[in-house]
Every structure is written in C-alpha cells, then in structure tokens.
Amino acid sequence: MFYLKNPLLIMAFPILFLKMDSSVHVNPLNNLGTFDNKIIQIYPNPASTVINFTFQGNNGQQHILQIYSFIGKKMMESRVQDTKLTVQLDENYYRGIYIYQLRDLAGRLIESGKFQVIK
C-alpha cells in the first residue's frame, strides 16, 4: 500500500493516481485524421459570401441548425429538412469566428463547431 505524507503530491502528479483500464480504448480519429462521428461538414471555411452545411446520415430526422457570433448573438436558426443547407453571409456577418450548433427537435445538442468569416 502506498501512503502519501503530502496530499499536494496528488495535484503535482495526478497521472500516478489514475486507475488505468486497458479494456477501454477511445480513438475518435480514423486513419485519415478526421472525426468518425461528425454529422456536419462545412465549406468553404473560411467563408466570405456563403457557407454550406452538408448533413451526413440524416435518415429523415429533423434537426435545428443555429449560428451564433463569437460573443453569443444568435445570427440564424433554421430547421434542417434536407442534406444540404446554404447560408448567405449578408452584411450582418462581420469578419470573425462563428459557432454552429445542431440540435434535435427536443433541444438536445447533437454537434457543434466553428467557422470563420473573412470579408
């Protein structure tokens, strides 16, 4: 049994005190270096006039796509019923980073990500 005289060692060396389970292996990256479970693909990124969202494996489910500015202002909300959605980046979209969220109809977050607008 290993006893610590100084509990600050737990904070200094946390990896020593983790229980390792070799039966669980989580690797979200496939061989190509992309995430396996991504539903949304966006292009072009960075964007200047339009941004396209394509949805993989929609299976007839309806989702809601929301876009927020980096300071949290909701820029757009749209119900997704197809495999592709194009958003016009009008004069309300300034240069910067924007966050998108894909939610189910109950409001649960399915996926989120970011894209850049350059104007």
Protein backbone atom coordinates (compact mmCIF):
# COMPACT_ATOMS: atom_id res chain seq x y z
CA MET A 1 0.00 0.00 0.00
CA PHE A 2 1.25 3.47 -0.90
CA TYR A 3 0.62 6.31 1.55
CA LEU A 4 1.15 10.00 0.92
CA LYS A 5 2.64 12.23 3.54
CA ASN A 6 1.87 15.31 1.48
CA PRO A 7 -1.55 15.48 -0.27
CA LEU A 8 -0.18 18.13 -2.63
CA LEU A 9 1.62 15.33 -4.46
CA ILE A 10 -1.75 14.20 -5.81
CA MET A 11 -2.08 17.56 -7.54
CA ALA A 12 1.52 17.56 -8.73
CA PHE A 13 1.44 14.04 -10.17
CA PRO A 14 -2.19 13.21 -10.99
CA ILE A 15 -1.31 10.57 -13.58
CA LEU A 16 0.17 8.35 -10.85
CA PHE A 17 -3.18 8.10 -9.12
CA LEU A 18 -5.41 7.30 -12.09
CA LYS A 19 -6.69 3.77 -12.43
CA MET A 20 -5.93 2.59 -15.93
CA ASP A 21 -8.35 0.28 -17.72
CA SER A 22 -6.78 -1.30 -20.77
CA SER A 23 -10.08 -2.75 -21.98
CA VAL A 24 -11.44 0.65 -22.97
CA HIS A 25 -9.85 2.30 -25.98
CA VAL A 26 -11.29 5.55 -27.29
CA ASN A 27 -9.89 6.90 -30.53
CA PRO A 28 -12.16 9.47 -32.17
CA LEU A 29 -9.83 9.79 -35.16
CA ASN A 30 -9.90 7.40 -38.05
CA ASN A 31 -6.92 6.68 -40.30
CA LEU A 32 -7.47 9.88 -42.28
CA GLY A 33 -7.25 12.12 -39.22
CA THR A 34 -10.91 13.15 -39.26
CA PHE A 35 -13.60 12.52 -36.68
CA ASP A 36 -15.65 9.41 -37.32
CA ASN A 37 -18.89 10.63 -35.80
CA LYS A 38 -19.22 14.07 -37.42
CA ILE A 39 -22.66 14.70 -38.88
CA ILE A 40 -21.97 18.12 -40.39
CA GLN A 41 -19.41 19.09 -42.99
CA ILE A 42 -18.96 22.80 -43.71
CA TYR A 43 -17.35 24.50 -46.67
CA PRO A 44 -15.75 26.78 -47.59
CA ASN A 45 -14.01 27.54 -44.34
CA PRO A 46 -13.04 30.36 -44.12
CA ALA A 47 -16.06 31.76 -45.96
CA SER A 48 -16.79 35.20 -47.40
CA THR A 49 -20.24 35.21 -49.06
CA VAL A 50 -21.87 31.83 -48.31
CA ILE A 51 -21.27 28.83 -46.07
CA ASN A 52 -22.59 25.38 -46.95
CA PHE A 53 -23.61 22.77 -44.40
CA THR A 54 -23.99 19.17 -45.55
CA PHE A 55 -25.56 16.64 -43.22
CA GLN A 56 -24.46 13.00 -43.19
CA GLY A 57 -26.87 10.24 -42.24
CA ASN A 58 -29.91 12.46 -41.75
CA ASN A 59 -32.24 9.39 -42.01
CA GLY A 60 -35.32 11.59 -42.25
CA GLN A 61 -34.76 13.11 -38.82
CA GLN A 62 -35.34 16.81 -38.46
CA HIS A 63 -32.79 18.97 -36.72
CA ILE A 64 -32.34 22.64 -35.94
CA LEU A 65 -29.18 24.47 -37.00
CA GLN A 66 -28.24 27.58 -35.03
CA ILE A 67 -25.41 30.01 -35.75
CA TYR A 68 -24.00 32.31 -33.07
CA SER A 69 -21.44 35.06 -33.24
CA PHE A 70 -18.41 34.63 -31.02
CA ILE A 71 -19.95 36.99 -28.45
CA GLY A 72 -23.11 34.85 -28.26
CA LYS A 73 -25.56 36.71 -30.52
CA LYS A 74 -27.87 34.32 -32.37
CA MET A 75 -27.37 35.02 -36.06
CA MET A 76 -29.61 32.35 -37.57
CA GLU A 77 -31.85 29.42 -36.71
CA SER A 78 -33.21 27.07 -39.33
CA ARG A 79 -34.94 23.71 -39.37
CA VAL A 80 -32.89 21.21 -41.37
CA GLN A 81 -35.01 19.00 -43.59
CA ASP A 82 -32.57 18.24 -46.39
CA THR A 83 -28.98 17.02 -46.68
CA LYS A 84 -27.63 20.48 -47.60
CA LEU A 85 -28.21 23.99 -46.28
CA THR A 86 -26.62 27.15 -47.70
CA VAL A 87 -26.43 30.26 -45.53
CA GLN A 88 -25.93 33.66 -47.13
CA LEU A 89 -23.37 35.69 -45.19
CA ASP A 90 -25.01 39.10 -45.53
CA GLU A 91 -23.95 42.44 -44.04
CA ASN A 92 -24.79 41.17 -40.52
CA TYR A 93 -21.91 38.69 -40.66
CA TYR A 94 -18.69 40.51 -39.91
CA ARG A 95 -15.15 39.18 -40.07
CA GLY A 96 -14.62 36.72 -37.23
CA ILE A 97 -15.37 33.32 -35.74
CA TYR A 98 -18.90 31.90 -35.61
CA ILE A 99 -20.23 28.89 -33.73
CA TYR A 100 -22.80 26.49 -35.14
CA GLN A 101 -24.93 24.07 -33.16
CA LEU A 102 -27.03 21.22 -34.47
CA ARG A 103 -29.87 20.31 -32.11
CA ASP A 104 -32.67 17.78 -32.23
CA LEU A 105 -36.27 18.96 -32.01
CA ALA A 106 -36.21 18.47 -28.22
CA GLY A 107 -33.34 20.97 -28.00
CA ARG A 108 -30.57 18.49 -27.17
CA LEU A 109 -27.16 19.33 -28.63
CA ILE A 110 -26.11 16.88 -31.35
CA GLU A 111 -22.98 18.58 -32.66
CA SER A 112 -21.24 21.92 -32.58
CA GLY A 113 -18.31 23.51 -34.31
CA LYS A 114 -16.95 26.77 -35.63
CA PHE A 115 -16.22 28.51 -38.88
CA GLN A 116 -14.51 31.72 -39.89
CA VAL A 117 -15.88 34.60 -41.95
CA ILE A 118 -13.40 36.70 -43.89
CA LYS A 119 -14.69 39.84 -45.64
